[in-house]
């Protein structure tokens, strides 16, 4: 299981700090709800792309619950579970595709992102409605996609949206 956490720093800063990042103490298990701090359980390394050419290796901290014996990963909010490119880069690719018809990545990967986005647009729209958004969202697919991407861009940062969406629905907004 992955827990999304906002470190408040950029992808590059996180990579530069490596294992010296300020990892939080997690006070209770998200599965069994045991009220004891999860034990740090090492790291694993993950590749992350901040653009189509720049790749970084990031340490992802793991935790272990002594009660239910499950392990958890503390995923920085600028990443999405099971995606190699950064959240900002994925959103930029979608914005360029829907508004400017320009490719930043391989066509096949862009189509994968577009299909995932299309599959989750209703859930993203529901999230904004539950947050109190009352304006009209266009019914036509392309305009609706652009509007929702603009709404995400209006958040203080995309990581804040990703973390709030994950906390609300317990899955990421590009999940299958």
N, C-alpha and C. Protein backbone atom coordinates (compact mmCIF):
# COMPACT_ATOMS: atom_id res chain seq x y z
N UNK A 1 0.85 -1.17 0.00
CA UNK A 1 0.00 0.00 0.00
C UNK A 1 0.89 1.24 0.00
N UNK A 2 0.40 2.27 -0.66
CA UNK A 2 1.18 3.49 -0.74
C UNK A 2 0.43 4.64 -0.07
N UNK A 3 1.13 5.37 0.76
CA UNK A 3 0.60 6.55 1.41
C UNK A 3 1.18 7.76 0.69
N UNK A 4 0.34 8.69 0.29
CA UNK A 4 0.81 9.89 -0.41
C UNK A 4 1.09 10.97 0.63
N UNK A 5 2.27 11.59 0.52
CA UNK A 5 2.68 12.61 1.48
C UNK A 5 3.31 13.78 0.73
N UNK A 6 2.92 14.99 1.11
CA UNK A 6 3.47 16.20 0.49
C UNK A 6 4.68 16.66 1.30
N UNK A 7 5.85 16.52 0.72
CA UNK A 7 7.08 16.94 1.37
C UNK A 7 7.31 18.44 1.26
N UNK A 8 6.54 19.11 0.40
CA UNK A 8 6.67 20.55 0.24
C UNK A 8 7.93 20.97 -0.50
N UNK A 9 8.53 20.05 -1.25
CA UNK A 9 9.72 20.37 -2.03
C UNK A 9 9.55 19.81 -3.43
N UNK A 10 10.41 20.22 -4.33
CA UNK A 10 10.33 19.76 -5.71
C UNK A 10 10.94 18.38 -5.87
N UNK A 11 10.69 17.80 -7.01
CA UNK A 11 11.26 16.49 -7.36
C UNK A 11 12.78 16.53 -7.30
N UNK A 12 13.36 17.58 -7.84
CA UNK A 12 14.82 17.71 -7.88
C UNK A 12 15.40 17.85 -6.47
N UNK A 13 14.73 18.64 -5.60
CA UNK A 13 15.21 18.80 -4.22
C UNK A 13 15.11 17.48 -3.46
N UNK A 14 14.01 16.77 -3.66
CA UNK A 14 13.83 15.47 -3.01
C UNK A 14 14.95 14.51 -3.43
N UNK A 15 15.26 14.48 -4.73
CA UNK A 15 16.32 13.60 -5.23
C UNK A 15 17.68 14.00 -4.67
N UNK A 16 17.93 15.31 -4.56
CA UNK A 16 19.22 15.78 -4.05
C UNK A 16 19.40 15.41 -2.57
N UNK A 17 18.33 15.49 -1.79
CA UNK A 17 18.42 15.14 -0.37
C UNK A 17 18.50 13.63 -0.15
N UNK A 18 17.90 12.88 -1.05
CA UNK A 18 17.94 11.42 -0.95
C UNK A 18 17.33 10.91 0.35
N UNK A 19 18.08 10.07 1.04
CA UNK A 19 17.60 9.47 2.29
C UNK A 19 17.59 10.47 3.45
N UNK A 20 18.10 11.67 3.22
CA UNK A 20 18.14 12.69 4.27
C UNK A 20 16.91 13.59 4.26
N UNK A 21 15.89 13.25 3.46
CA UNK A 21 14.63 13.99 3.49
C UNK A 21 14.01 13.88 4.87
N UNK A 22 13.13 14.81 5.20
CA UNK A 22 12.45 14.78 6.49
C UNK A 22 11.20 13.92 6.37
N UNK A 23 11.35 12.64 6.70
CA UNK A 23 10.23 11.70 6.63
C UNK A 23 9.41 11.82 7.90
N UNK A 24 8.08 11.83 7.77
CA UNK A 24 7.23 12.01 8.95
C UNK A 24 7.15 10.73 9.79
N UNK A 25 6.71 10.89 11.04
CA UNK A 25 6.38 9.75 11.89
C UNK A 25 4.91 9.48 11.66
N UNK A 26 4.58 8.26 11.27
CA UNK A 26 3.18 7.90 11.03
C UNK A 26 2.66 7.24 12.29
N UNK A 27 1.66 7.87 12.91
CA UNK A 27 1.19 7.49 14.24
C UNK A 27 0.24 6.31 14.28
N UNK A 28 -0.44 6.02 13.17
CA UNK A 28 -1.38 4.90 13.19
C UNK A 28 -1.39 4.20 11.84
N UNK A 29 -1.71 2.92 11.88
CA UNK A 29 -1.73 2.10 10.68
C UNK A 29 -3.00 2.39 9.89
N UNK A 30 -2.89 2.63 8.57
CA UNK A 30 -4.08 2.90 7.76
C UNK A 30 -4.96 1.67 7.53
N UNK A 31 -4.45 0.47 7.82
CA UNK A 31 -5.25 -0.74 7.62
C UNK A 31 -5.92 -1.18 8.92
N UNK A 32 -5.13 -1.43 9.94
CA UNK A 32 -5.71 -1.96 11.19
C UNK A 32 -6.03 -0.86 12.20
N UNK A 33 -5.64 0.37 11.91
CA UNK A 33 -5.87 1.53 12.76
C UNK A 33 -5.22 1.43 14.14
N UNK A 34 -4.21 0.59 14.28
CA UNK A 34 -3.49 0.46 15.54
C UNK A 34 -2.85 1.81 15.89
N UNK A 35 -2.98 2.23 17.12
CA UNK A 35 -2.46 3.52 17.56
C UNK A 35 -1.02 3.41 18.04
N UNK A 36 -0.15 2.99 17.15
CA UNK A 36 1.27 2.96 17.45
C UNK A 36 2.02 3.41 16.21
N UNK A 37 3.12 4.07 16.43
CA UNK A 37 3.90 4.57 15.30
C UNK A 37 4.39 3.41 14.44
N UNK A 38 4.27 3.60 13.13
CA UNK A 38 4.79 2.59 12.20
C UNK A 38 6.31 2.63 12.23
N UNK A 39 6.92 1.47 12.11
CA UNK A 39 8.37 1.36 12.16
C UNK A 39 8.94 1.58 10.76
N UNK A 40 9.99 2.38 10.68
CA UNK A 40 10.67 2.56 9.38
C UNK A 40 11.27 1.23 8.97
N UNK A 41 11.13 0.91 7.68
CA UNK A 41 11.46 -0.43 7.20
C UNK A 41 12.35 -0.36 5.95
N UNK A 42 13.22 0.63 5.91
CA UNK A 42 14.15 0.74 4.79
C UNK A 42 13.62 1.57 3.64
N UNK A 43 14.28 1.43 2.50
CA UNK A 43 13.96 2.21 1.31
C UNK A 43 13.97 1.30 0.08
N UNK A 44 13.29 1.74 -0.94
CA UNK A 44 13.51 1.16 -2.26
C UNK A 44 13.72 2.33 -3.21
N UNK A 45 14.36 2.07 -4.31
CA UNK A 45 14.69 3.12 -5.26
C UNK A 45 13.72 3.10 -6.42
N UNK A 46 13.33 4.29 -6.83
CA UNK A 46 12.38 4.42 -7.93
C UNK A 46 12.90 5.45 -8.93
N UNK A 47 12.79 5.13 -10.21
CA UNK A 47 13.14 6.09 -11.25
C UNK A 47 11.96 6.99 -11.50
N UNK A 48 12.24 8.27 -11.70
CA UNK A 48 11.18 9.23 -11.97
C UNK A 48 11.66 10.21 -13.03
N UNK A 49 10.80 10.48 -14.00
CA UNK A 49 11.13 11.42 -15.06
C UNK A 49 10.43 12.74 -14.84
N UNK A 50 11.20 13.81 -14.82
CA UNK A 50 10.59 15.13 -14.69
C UNK A 50 10.31 15.75 -16.05
N UNK A 51 10.89 15.19 -17.09
CA UNK A 51 10.55 15.52 -18.47
C UNK A 51 10.97 14.33 -19.32
N UNK A 52 10.87 14.46 -20.63
CA UNK A 52 11.13 13.30 -21.48
C UNK A 52 12.61 12.91 -21.52
N UNK A 53 13.50 13.74 -20.99
CA UNK A 53 14.93 13.45 -21.07
C UNK A 53 15.61 13.33 -19.71
N UNK A 54 15.06 13.91 -18.66
CA UNK A 54 15.73 13.96 -17.36
C UNK A 54 15.14 12.91 -16.42
N UNK A 55 15.98 11.99 -15.97
CA UNK A 55 15.56 10.92 -15.07
C UNK A 55 16.34 11.00 -13.77
N UNK A 56 15.64 10.78 -12.67
CA UNK A 56 16.26 10.82 -11.35
C UNK A 56 15.94 9.53 -10.60
N UNK A 57 16.83 9.13 -9.71
CA UNK A 57 16.56 8.00 -8.83
C UNK A 57 16.17 8.55 -7.48
N UNK A 58 15.02 8.10 -6.98
CA UNK A 58 14.48 8.60 -5.73
C UNK A 58 14.37 7.48 -4.70
N UNK A 59 14.77 7.75 -3.45
CA UNK A 59 14.54 6.76 -2.40
C UNK A 59 13.11 6.90 -1.88
N UNK A 60 12.39 5.79 -1.81
CA UNK A 60 11.02 5.79 -1.29
C UNK A 60 11.07 5.06 0.05
N UNK A 61 10.66 5.75 1.09
CA UNK A 61 10.71 5.21 2.45
C UNK A 61 9.58 4.19 2.65
N UNK A 62 9.92 3.09 3.32
CA UNK A 62 8.93 2.06 3.63
C UNK A 62 8.70 2.02 5.14
N UNK A 63 7.48 1.69 5.52
CA UNK A 63 7.11 1.55 6.93
C UNK A 63 6.47 0.19 7.14
N UNK A 64 6.48 -0.28 8.39
CA UNK A 64 5.94 -1.59 8.72
C UNK A 64 5.09 -1.47 9.98
N UNK A 65 3.91 -2.07 9.96
CA UNK A 65 3.02 -2.08 11.13
C UNK A 65 3.28 -3.35 11.93
N UNK A 66 3.55 -3.17 13.21
CA UNK A 66 3.83 -4.33 14.07
C UNK A 66 2.57 -5.14 14.37
N UNK A 67 1.41 -4.52 14.29
CA UNK A 67 0.16 -5.21 14.62
C UNK A 67 -0.31 -6.12 13.48
N UNK A 68 -0.52 -5.53 12.30
CA UNK A 68 -1.07 -6.32 11.18
C UNK A 68 0.02 -6.84 10.25
N UNK A 69 1.26 -6.41 10.47
CA UNK A 69 2.42 -6.88 9.73
C UNK A 69 2.39 -6.51 8.24
N UNK A 70 1.72 -5.41 7.91
CA UNK A 70 1.71 -4.90 6.53
C UNK A 70 2.81 -3.86 6.37
N UNK A 71 3.30 -3.73 5.14
CA UNK A 71 4.27 -2.68 4.84
C UNK A 71 3.60 -1.60 4.00
N UNK A 72 4.11 -0.39 4.10
CA UNK A 72 3.58 0.77 3.39
C UNK A 72 4.73 1.57 2.82
N UNK A 73 4.49 2.18 1.68
CA UNK A 73 5.47 3.07 1.07
C UNK A 73 4.97 4.50 1.25
N UNK A 74 5.87 5.40 1.53
CA UNK A 74 5.54 6.81 1.65
C UNK A 74 5.91 7.49 0.33
N UNK A 75 4.92 7.64 -0.54
CA UNK A 75 5.14 8.16 -1.88
C UNK A 75 5.03 9.69 -1.88
N UNK A 76 6.03 10.39 -2.38
CA UNK A 76 5.93 11.85 -2.48
C UNK A 76 4.76 12.24 -3.38
N UNK A 77 4.09 13.32 -3.04
CA UNK A 77 2.87 13.71 -3.76
C UNK A 77 3.13 14.17 -5.19
N UNK A 78 4.36 14.43 -5.56
CA UNK A 78 4.64 14.80 -6.95
C UNK A 78 4.77 13.59 -7.86
N UNK A 79 4.59 12.38 -7.31
CA UNK A 79 4.58 11.15 -8.09
C UNK A 79 3.20 10.50 -8.00
N UNK A 80 2.87 9.71 -8.99
CA UNK A 80 1.65 8.91 -8.95
C UNK A 80 2.06 7.45 -8.81
N UNK A 81 1.29 6.67 -8.03
CA UNK A 81 1.63 5.25 -7.92
C UNK A 81 1.66 4.57 -9.28
N UNK A 82 2.70 3.81 -9.53
CA UNK A 82 2.88 2.99 -10.73
C UNK A 82 3.15 3.79 -12.01
N UNK A 83 3.43 5.08 -11.91
CA UNK A 83 3.78 5.90 -13.07
C UNK A 83 5.22 6.34 -12.92
N UNK A 84 5.96 6.35 -14.02
CA UNK A 84 7.36 6.75 -13.93
C UNK A 84 7.57 8.24 -14.12
N UNK A 85 6.72 8.90 -14.88
CA UNK A 85 6.88 10.35 -15.04
C UNK A 85 6.24 11.07 -13.87
N UNK A 86 6.72 12.29 -13.62
CA UNK A 86 6.18 13.07 -12.51
C UNK A 86 4.76 13.51 -12.82
N UNK A 87 4.03 13.82 -11.78
CA UNK A 87 2.65 14.27 -11.91
C UNK A 87 2.56 15.52 -12.78
N UNK A 88 3.42 16.48 -12.56
CA UNK A 88 3.39 17.72 -13.35
C UNK A 88 3.62 17.44 -14.83
N UNK A 89 4.55 16.55 -15.14
CA UNK A 89 4.83 16.24 -16.54
C UNK A 89 3.64 15.56 -17.20
N UNK A 90 2.99 14.64 -16.50
CA UNK A 90 1.81 13.96 -17.05
C UNK A 90 0.70 14.96 -17.33
N UNK A 91 0.45 15.86 -16.38
CA UNK A 91 -0.60 16.87 -16.59
C UNK A 91 -0.23 17.82 -17.72
N UNK A 92 1.04 18.19 -17.83
CA UNK A 92 1.47 19.04 -18.94
C UNK A 92 1.24 18.35 -20.28
N UNK A 93 1.55 17.07 -20.35
CA UNK A 93 1.32 16.30 -21.59
C UNK A 93 -0.15 16.31 -21.97
N UNK A 94 -1.03 16.10 -20.99
CA UNK A 94 -2.47 16.10 -21.27
C UNK A 94 -2.96 17.47 -21.71
N UNK A 95 -2.48 18.52 -21.05
CA UNK A 95 -2.89 19.88 -21.42
C UNK A 95 -2.46 20.19 -22.85
N UNK A 96 -1.21 19.88 -23.18
CA UNK A 96 -0.73 20.12 -24.55
C UNK A 96 -1.51 19.32 -25.56
N UNK A 97 -1.82 18.07 -25.22
CA UNK A 97 -2.56 17.23 -26.15
C UNK A 97 -3.96 17.78 -26.42
N UNK A 98 -4.70 18.13 -25.36
CA UNK A 98 -6.08 18.58 -25.54
C UNK A 98 -6.18 20.01 -26.08
N UNK A 99 -5.24 20.87 -25.74
CA UNK A 99 -5.39 22.27 -26.16
C UNK A 99 -4.51 22.65 -27.34
N UNK A 100 -3.32 22.12 -27.43
CA UNK A 100 -2.39 22.56 -28.46
C UNK A 100 -2.04 21.47 -29.47
N UNK A 101 -2.49 20.26 -29.22
CA UNK A 101 -2.23 19.12 -30.11
C UNK A 101 -0.73 18.95 -30.38
N UNK A 102 0.06 19.12 -29.34
CA UNK A 102 1.51 18.96 -29.45
C UNK A 102 1.95 17.79 -28.58
N UNK A 103 2.82 16.99 -29.09
CA UNK A 103 3.27 15.82 -28.34
C UNK A 103 4.55 16.12 -27.59
N UNK A 104 4.57 15.78 -26.30
CA UNK A 104 5.79 15.91 -25.50
C UNK A 104 6.45 14.55 -25.28
N UNK A 105 5.71 13.50 -25.53
CA UNK A 105 6.20 12.13 -25.31
C UNK A 105 5.75 11.26 -26.47
N UNK A 106 6.11 10.00 -26.41
CA UNK A 106 5.70 9.06 -27.45
C UNK A 106 4.18 9.00 -27.55
N UNK A 107 3.70 8.85 -28.75
CA UNK A 107 2.27 8.83 -29.01
C UNK A 107 1.55 7.74 -28.20
N UNK A 108 2.13 6.54 -28.12
CA UNK A 108 1.49 5.44 -27.42
C UNK A 108 1.33 5.74 -25.93
N UNK A 109 2.36 6.33 -25.32
CA UNK A 109 2.29 6.67 -23.91
C UNK A 109 1.26 7.78 -23.69
N UNK A 110 1.22 8.74 -24.58
CA UNK A 110 0.23 9.80 -24.47
C UNK A 110 -1.19 9.25 -24.58
N UNK A 111 -1.40 8.28 -25.46
CA UNK A 111 -2.73 7.67 -25.57
C UNK A 111 -3.09 6.87 -24.31
N UNK A 112 -2.11 6.26 -23.70
CA UNK A 112 -2.35 5.58 -22.43
C UNK A 112 -2.83 6.58 -21.38
N UNK A 113 -2.13 7.72 -21.27
CA UNK A 113 -2.54 8.76 -20.32
C UNK A 113 -3.92 9.29 -20.67
N UNK A 114 -4.19 9.52 -21.95
CA UNK A 114 -5.49 10.05 -22.36
C UNK A 114 -6.61 9.09 -22.00
N UNK A 115 -6.41 7.79 -22.22
CA UNK A 115 -7.45 6.81 -21.88
C UNK A 115 -7.71 6.77 -20.37
N UNK A 116 -6.64 6.81 -19.60
CA UNK A 116 -6.80 6.81 -18.14
C UNK A 116 -7.53 8.08 -17.68
N UNK A 117 -7.16 9.21 -18.27
CA UNK A 117 -7.80 10.48 -17.94
C UNK A 117 -9.29 10.41 -18.27
N UNK A 118 -9.61 9.92 -19.47
CA UNK A 118 -11.01 9.84 -19.90
C UNK A 118 -11.81 8.93 -18.98
N UNK A 119 -11.21 7.84 -18.56
CA UNK A 119 -11.89 6.89 -17.69
C UNK A 119 -12.21 7.49 -16.32
N UNK A 120 -11.38 8.42 -15.86
CA UNK A 120 -11.52 8.98 -14.51
C UNK A 120 -12.11 10.38 -14.46
N UNK A 121 -12.50 10.93 -15.61
CA UNK A 121 -13.02 12.31 -15.61
C UNK A 121 -14.27 12.48 -14.76
N UNK A 122 -15.18 11.51 -14.76
CA UNK A 122 -16.39 11.64 -13.94
C UNK A 122 -16.05 11.69 -12.46
N UNK A 123 -15.10 10.89 -12.04
CA UNK A 123 -14.68 10.88 -10.64
C UNK A 123 -14.00 12.20 -10.27
N UNK A 124 -13.19 12.72 -11.18
CA UNK A 124 -12.52 14.01 -10.93
C UNK A 124 -13.57 15.12 -10.83
N UNK A 125 -14.56 15.08 -11.73
CA UNK A 125 -15.62 16.07 -11.68
C UNK A 125 -16.40 15.95 -10.36
N UNK A 126 -16.70 14.73 -9.94
CA UNK A 126 -17.40 14.52 -8.68
C UNK A 126 -16.59 15.07 -7.50
N UNK A 127 -15.28 14.90 -7.55
CA UNK A 127 -14.42 15.44 -6.49
C UNK A 127 -14.59 16.96 -6.40
N UNK A 128 -14.54 17.64 -7.54
CA UNK A 128 -14.69 19.10 -7.52
C UNK A 128 -16.08 19.51 -7.05
N UNK A 129 -17.11 18.78 -7.43
CA UNK A 129 -18.47 19.09 -6.97
C UNK A 129 -18.56 18.94 -5.45
N UNK A 130 -17.96 17.90 -4.92
CA UNK A 130 -17.97 17.69 -3.46
C UNK A 130 -17.14 18.74 -2.73
N UNK A 131 -16.21 19.36 -3.42
CA UNK A 131 -15.42 20.44 -2.83
C UNK A 131 -16.14 21.79 -2.92
N UNK A 132 -17.34 21.79 -3.53
CA UNK A 132 -18.15 23.01 -3.59
C UNK A 132 -18.08 23.76 -4.90
N UNK A 133 -17.46 23.22 -5.92
CA UNK A 133 -17.37 23.89 -7.22
C UNK A 133 -18.75 23.87 -7.88
N UNK A 134 -19.28 25.06 -8.23
CA UNK A 134 -20.64 25.16 -8.75
C UNK A 134 -20.74 25.59 -10.21
N UNK A 135 -19.64 26.01 -10.82
CA UNK A 135 -19.71 26.49 -12.20
C UNK A 135 -20.03 25.35 -13.17
N UNK A 136 -20.48 25.73 -14.35
CA UNK A 136 -20.84 24.74 -15.37
C UNK A 136 -19.57 24.16 -15.98
N UNK A 137 -19.56 22.84 -16.12
CA UNK A 137 -18.47 22.14 -16.78
C UNK A 137 -19.00 21.67 -18.13
N UNK A 138 -18.35 22.03 -19.23
CA UNK A 138 -18.87 21.68 -20.56
C UNK A 138 -19.09 20.17 -20.72
N UNK A 139 -20.15 19.78 -21.41
CA UNK A 139 -20.42 18.35 -21.60
C UNK A 139 -19.56 17.70 -22.69
N UNK A 140 -19.09 18.49 -23.67
CA UNK A 140 -18.28 17.94 -24.76
C UNK A 140 -16.92 17.49 -24.21
N UNK A 141 -16.46 16.33 -24.65
CA UNK A 141 -15.29 15.67 -24.05
C UNK A 141 -14.05 16.56 -24.01
N UNK A 142 -13.65 17.13 -25.14
CA UNK A 142 -12.39 17.89 -25.19
C UNK A 142 -12.45 19.13 -24.30
N UNK A 143 -13.56 19.89 -24.37
CA UNK A 143 -13.69 21.08 -23.53
C UNK A 143 -13.78 20.71 -22.05
N UNK A 144 -14.44 19.60 -21.76
CA UNK A 144 -14.54 19.12 -20.38
C UNK A 144 -13.17 18.73 -19.85
N UNK A 145 -12.39 18.03 -20.66
CA UNK A 145 -11.04 17.63 -20.26
C UNK A 145 -10.17 18.85 -19.98
N UNK A 146 -10.24 19.84 -20.87
CA UNK A 146 -9.45 21.06 -20.69
C UNK A 146 -9.88 21.79 -19.42
N UNK A 147 -11.19 21.90 -19.20
CA UNK A 147 -11.71 22.60 -18.02
C UNK A 147 -11.24 21.91 -16.73
N UNK A 148 -11.32 20.59 -16.68
CA UNK A 148 -10.88 19.88 -15.47
C UNK A 148 -9.37 20.02 -15.26
N UNK A 149 -8.60 19.98 -16.34
CA UNK A 149 -7.15 20.19 -16.21
C UNK A 149 -6.85 21.61 -15.73
N UNK A 150 -7.60 22.59 -16.20
CA UNK A 150 -7.43 23.97 -15.71
C UNK A 150 -7.80 24.09 -14.24
N UNK A 151 -8.82 23.35 -13.82
CA UNK A 151 -9.22 23.38 -12.41
C UNK A 151 -8.13 22.78 -11.53
N UNK A 152 -7.49 21.72 -12.00
CA UNK A 152 -6.37 21.14 -11.25
C UNK A 152 -5.22 22.14 -11.20
N UNK A 153 -4.96 22.81 -12.32
CA UNK A 153 -3.88 23.81 -12.36
C UNK A 153 -4.17 24.98 -11.44
N UNK A 154 -5.45 25.25 -11.14
CA UNK A 154 -5.81 26.36 -10.26
C UNK A 154 -5.52 26.06 -8.79
N UNK A 155 -5.32 24.79 -8.45
CA UNK A 155 -4.92 24.45 -7.08
C UNK A 155 -3.57 25.10 -6.81
N UNK A 156 -3.18 25.29 -5.54
CA UNK A 156 -1.86 25.86 -5.28
C UNK A 156 -0.75 25.14 -6.03
N UNK A 157 -0.88 23.83 -6.16
CA UNK A 157 -0.02 23.03 -7.03
C UNK A 157 -0.71 21.71 -7.30
N UNK A 158 -0.28 21.02 -8.32
CA UNK A 158 -0.92 19.75 -8.70
C UNK A 158 -0.77 18.71 -7.60
N UNK A 159 0.31 18.79 -6.83
CA UNK A 159 0.51 17.82 -5.76
C UNK A 159 -0.57 17.93 -4.70
N UNK A 160 -1.02 19.17 -4.41
CA UNK A 160 -2.09 19.36 -3.44
C UNK A 160 -3.36 18.68 -3.92
N UNK A 161 -3.69 18.86 -5.20
CA UNK A 161 -4.86 18.18 -5.75
C UNK A 161 -4.72 16.68 -5.64
N UNK A 162 -3.58 16.15 -6.05
CA UNK A 162 -3.36 14.71 -6.04
C UNK A 162 -3.51 14.14 -4.64
N UNK A 163 -2.94 14.81 -3.66
CA UNK A 163 -3.00 14.33 -2.29
C UNK A 163 -4.43 14.41 -1.75
N UNK A 164 -5.12 15.50 -2.01
CA UNK A 164 -6.50 15.63 -1.52
C UNK A 164 -7.42 14.62 -2.20
N UNK A 165 -7.23 14.40 -3.50
CA UNK A 165 -8.02 13.40 -4.21
C UNK A 165 -7.75 12.01 -3.62
N UNK A 166 -6.49 11.70 -3.39
CA UNK A 166 -6.12 10.40 -2.82
C UNK A 166 -6.72 10.23 -1.43
N UNK A 167 -6.66 11.25 -0.60
CA UNK A 167 -7.23 11.16 0.75
C UNK A 167 -8.75 11.01 0.71
N UNK A 168 -9.39 11.60 -0.29
CA UNK A 168 -10.85 11.55 -0.40
C UNK A 168 -11.35 10.20 -0.91
N UNK A 169 -10.74 9.70 -1.99
CA UNK A 169 -11.23 8.48 -2.63
C UNK A 169 -10.36 7.24 -2.35
N UNK A 170 -9.19 7.42 -1.69
CA UNK A 170 -8.26 6.35 -1.41
C UNK A 170 -7.72 5.67 -2.67
N UNK A 171 -7.55 6.45 -3.71
CA UNK A 171 -6.91 6.00 -4.94
C UNK A 171 -6.45 7.24 -5.68
N UNK A 172 -5.55 7.08 -6.64
CA UNK A 172 -5.10 8.26 -7.37
C UNK A 172 -6.04 8.53 -8.54
N UNK A 173 -6.01 9.76 -9.02
CA UNK A 173 -6.97 10.19 -10.05
C UNK A 173 -6.66 9.62 -11.44
N UNK A 174 -5.56 8.92 -11.60
CA UNK A 174 -5.25 8.27 -12.89
C UNK A 174 -5.27 6.75 -12.74
N UNK A 175 -5.91 6.25 -11.68
CA UNK A 175 -5.94 4.81 -11.41
C UNK A 175 -6.79 4.09 -12.44
N UNK A 176 -6.53 2.82 -12.61
CA UNK A 176 -7.28 2.01 -13.56
C UNK A 176 -8.60 1.67 -12.98
